[in-house]
Every structure is written in structure tokens, then in C-alpha cells.
Amino acid sequence: MSTIHILVGSTLGGAEYVADTLAEQLQAADHQVAIHLDPNLEDLPHAGTWLLCSSTHGAGELPDNIQPFAEQLAQQPDLSAVRFAVFALGDSSYDTFCEGGKQLETAMLACKAQSLWPRQDIDVLDEQLPEELASAYLTEQIGKL
């Protein structure tokens, strides 16, 4: 079984909690998982499954730790053998709600990567914790992996 790579863009740790929860859930379903806290395109296989978990920072920017990866994606490498999904965290009181995740999704599609399911926008103002919302969504979608 191939490894599912979880790429994390986080400023305050919320996306890391989501990534850890998704990893635990995937491992319980007998998947191998690798978490990348400073993702680098050169360290990732250009095939297989990637889950991108990112918050939005500032006025709609990606967190610092994932910006270099986004710049690599801007070169539009061929990722046509990659299947991916985005878990975007944001604050719905801002007009840039989940903009970081939207940027990653757009960049992945421009690289011809194949979306597994619609981007999951997670509102950090929701009563449930972001990792609980992400886990519930993965439960619904895990069969697509």
C-alpha cells in the first residue's frame, strides 16, 4: 500500500492538529501516512495521494512554512499522477475565509493533479473543533482513497 502524504501549512498549530487527527484516522484504516510540516516538492513522490491541510494567515496569505511549496507549484510541475484533497481552515468573519486552501487547490489543479473530493472549508468559529470536522468529513470520503 502506498503512503498518503499530508502536507501542512500552519501558523498557530490548528492545521497541524487537523493533520495529526487525519493521520491517526488513516493509520487506523491501515494506511501508511507521512506528515510534512515543511513540504518540499523535491521530497514528495509525484504520484499517489496528498492531503493538504492549511490555514489562512494575515489578509488571505498562506502560512510561512508552506509558502516555498506554493512557489514550487507556481512552476507548474506535472502532478497528473497525484490525487489530492484540501482541508482549508479559516475564520468566516473575514472576507478571505479559507483563501490559503483555495490557493493550494488552484495551484494543484494547474499542475494537473486530480482532486479526490471537493475542498473542505473548515470554520474555526464553529462549535466543533476543526480536527473533529475534518475527521467527520474524512469518514464520509475515506472510501475514495
Protein backbone atom coordinates (compact mmCIF):
# COMPACT_ATOMS: atom_id res chain seq x y z
CA MET A 1 0.00 0.00 0.00
CA SER A 2 1.35 3.43 -0.88
CA THR A 3 1.88 6.19 1.64
CA ILE A 4 -0.60 9.05 1.95
CA HIS A 5 1.30 12.31 2.32
CA ILE A 6 -0.20 15.05 4.48
CA LEU A 7 1.22 18.50 3.72
CA VAL A 8 0.71 21.10 6.43
CA GLY A 9 0.53 24.89 6.27
CA SER A 10 0.13 26.23 9.79
CA THR A 11 0.80 29.40 11.73
CA LEU A 12 -0.77 28.75 15.14
CA GLY A 13 -0.99 24.96 15.05
CA GLY A 14 -4.63 24.38 14.06
CA ALA A 15 -3.77 22.77 10.72
CA GLU A 16 -1.19 20.59 12.49
CA TYR A 17 -3.90 19.28 14.84
CA VAL A 18 -6.08 18.51 11.81
CA ALA A 19 -3.18 16.72 10.11
CA ASP A 20 -2.42 14.65 13.22
CA THR A 21 -6.07 13.65 13.58
CA LEU A 22 -6.34 12.69 9.90
CA ALA A 23 -3.11 10.69 10.17
CA GLU A 24 -4.42 8.74 13.17
CA GLN A 25 -7.67 8.04 11.37
CA LEU A 26 -5.89 6.88 8.21
CA GLN A 27 -3.49 4.68 10.17
CA ALA A 28 -6.43 3.08 11.97
CA ALA A 29 -7.77 2.23 8.49
CA ASP A 30 -4.43 0.53 7.66
CA HIS A 31 -2.97 3.34 5.52
CA GLN A 32 0.64 4.41 5.76
CA VAL A 33 0.98 8.15 6.43
CA ALA A 34 3.76 10.72 6.25
CA ILE A 35 3.25 14.25 7.60
CA HIS A 36 5.25 17.09 6.05
CA LEU A 37 5.41 20.21 8.25
CA ASP A 38 7.73 21.98 5.80
CA PRO A 39 6.63 20.46 2.49
CA ASN A 40 9.13 20.48 -0.34
CA LEU A 41 8.18 19.28 -3.81
CA GLU A 42 11.57 17.60 -4.22
CA ASP A 43 10.87 15.36 -1.20
CA LEU A 44 7.47 14.16 -2.41
CA PRO A 45 6.65 11.43 -4.91
CA HIS A 46 4.96 12.87 -7.99
CA ALA A 47 2.36 10.11 -7.80
CA GLY A 48 -0.03 8.85 -5.15
CA THR A 49 -2.21 10.67 -2.66
CA TRP A 50 -1.61 14.01 -0.97
CA LEU A 51 -3.84 15.65 1.61
CA LEU A 52 -3.15 19.37 2.05
CA CYS A 53 -4.13 20.92 5.39
CA SER A 54 -3.65 24.65 5.55
CA SER A 55 -4.85 27.62 7.48
CA THR A 56 -5.05 31.16 6.11
CA HIS A 57 -2.79 33.80 7.58
CA GLY A 58 -2.98 37.58 7.54
CA ALA A 59 -5.02 39.01 4.69
CA GLY A 60 -5.51 35.74 2.84
CA GLU A 61 -1.92 34.50 2.66
CA LEU A 62 -0.57 31.02 3.12
CA PRO A 63 1.35 30.33 6.33
CA ASP A 64 5.12 30.90 6.10
CA ASN A 65 6.01 27.21 6.28
CA ILE A 66 4.06 26.29 3.13
CA GLN A 67 4.82 29.37 1.01
CA PRO A 68 8.00 27.86 -0.52
CA PHE A 69 5.97 24.81 -1.56
CA ALA A 70 3.34 27.05 -3.16
CA GLU A 71 6.12 28.81 -5.06
CA GLN A 72 7.30 25.42 -6.34
CA LEU A 73 3.75 24.67 -7.50
CA ALA A 74 3.69 28.00 -9.36
CA GLN A 75 6.29 26.49 -11.72
CA GLN A 76 3.51 24.06 -12.73
CA PRO A 77 5.32 20.72 -12.48
CA ASP A 78 3.47 17.73 -13.91
CA LEU A 79 1.50 16.27 -11.00
CA SER A 80 -1.00 14.41 -13.15
CA ALA A 81 -0.30 11.18 -11.25
CA VAL A 82 -1.14 12.83 -7.89
CA ARG A 83 -4.58 12.58 -6.33
CA PHE A 84 -5.22 15.24 -3.71
CA ALA A 85 -7.69 16.81 -1.33
CA VAL A 86 -7.57 20.09 0.57
CA PHE A 87 -8.66 20.74 4.14
CA ALA A 88 -8.72 24.54 4.47
CA LEU A 89 -9.01 26.25 7.85
CA GLY A 90 -10.23 29.79 8.18
CA ASP A 91 -12.24 32.33 10.12
CA SER A 92 -15.59 33.04 8.44
CA SER A 93 -15.68 36.55 9.88
CA TYR A 94 -13.00 37.51 7.29
CA ASP A 95 -13.68 38.01 3.60
CA THR A 96 -10.55 35.92 2.91
CA PHE A 97 -12.14 32.86 4.54
CA CYS A 98 -10.04 29.77 3.67
CA GLU A 99 -8.13 31.67 0.98
CA GLY A 100 -4.93 29.73 1.72
CA GLY A 101 -6.62 26.42 0.96
CA LYS A 102 -8.24 27.88 -2.14
CA GLN A 103 -4.82 28.96 -3.40
CA LEU A 104 -3.38 25.50 -2.86
CA GLU A 105 -6.31 23.85 -4.62
CA THR A 106 -5.97 26.17 -7.63
CA ALA A 107 -2.23 25.54 -7.81
CA MET A 108 -2.64 21.76 -7.62
CA LEU A 109 -5.24 21.79 -10.38
CA ALA A 110 -2.94 23.96 -12.54
CA CYS A 111 -0.32 21.20 -12.13
CA LYS A 112 -2.92 18.72 -13.45
CA ALA A 113 -3.29 16.90 -10.12
CA GLN A 114 -6.61 15.08 -9.70
CA SER A 115 -8.99 16.19 -6.95
CA LEU A 116 -10.36 13.35 -4.81
CA TRP A 117 -13.31 15.34 -3.47
CA PRO A 118 -14.40 18.98 -3.06
CA ARG A 119 -12.22 21.20 -0.86
CA GLN A 120 -13.32 21.03 2.75
CA ASP A 121 -13.53 24.55 4.21
CA ILE A 122 -13.41 24.43 8.00
CA ASP A 123 -14.58 27.42 10.01
CA VAL A 124 -12.53 27.77 13.20
CA LEU A 125 -15.50 29.65 14.70
CA ASP A 126 -17.65 26.51 14.51
CA GLU A 127 -18.70 24.93 17.81
CA GLN A 128 -16.83 21.74 16.93
CA LEU A 129 -13.05 21.61 16.85
CA PRO A 130 -11.53 21.82 13.35
CA GLU A 131 -9.98 18.37 13.72
CA GLU A 132 -13.39 16.88 14.58
CA LEU A 133 -14.94 18.47 11.49
CA ALA A 134 -12.10 17.22 9.28
CA SER A 135 -12.31 13.73 10.76
CA ALA A 136 -16.07 13.53 10.18
CA TYR A 137 -15.59 14.58 6.56
CA LEU A 138 -12.78 12.06 6.03
CA THR A 139 -15.05 9.33 7.41
CA GLU A 140 -17.51 10.13 4.61
CA GLN A 141 -14.80 10.19 1.93
CA ILE A 142 -12.26 7.57 3.03
CA GLY A 143 -13.55 5.00 0.56
CA LYS A 144 -12.24 7.19 -2.28
CA LEU A 145 -8.67 6.64 -1.14
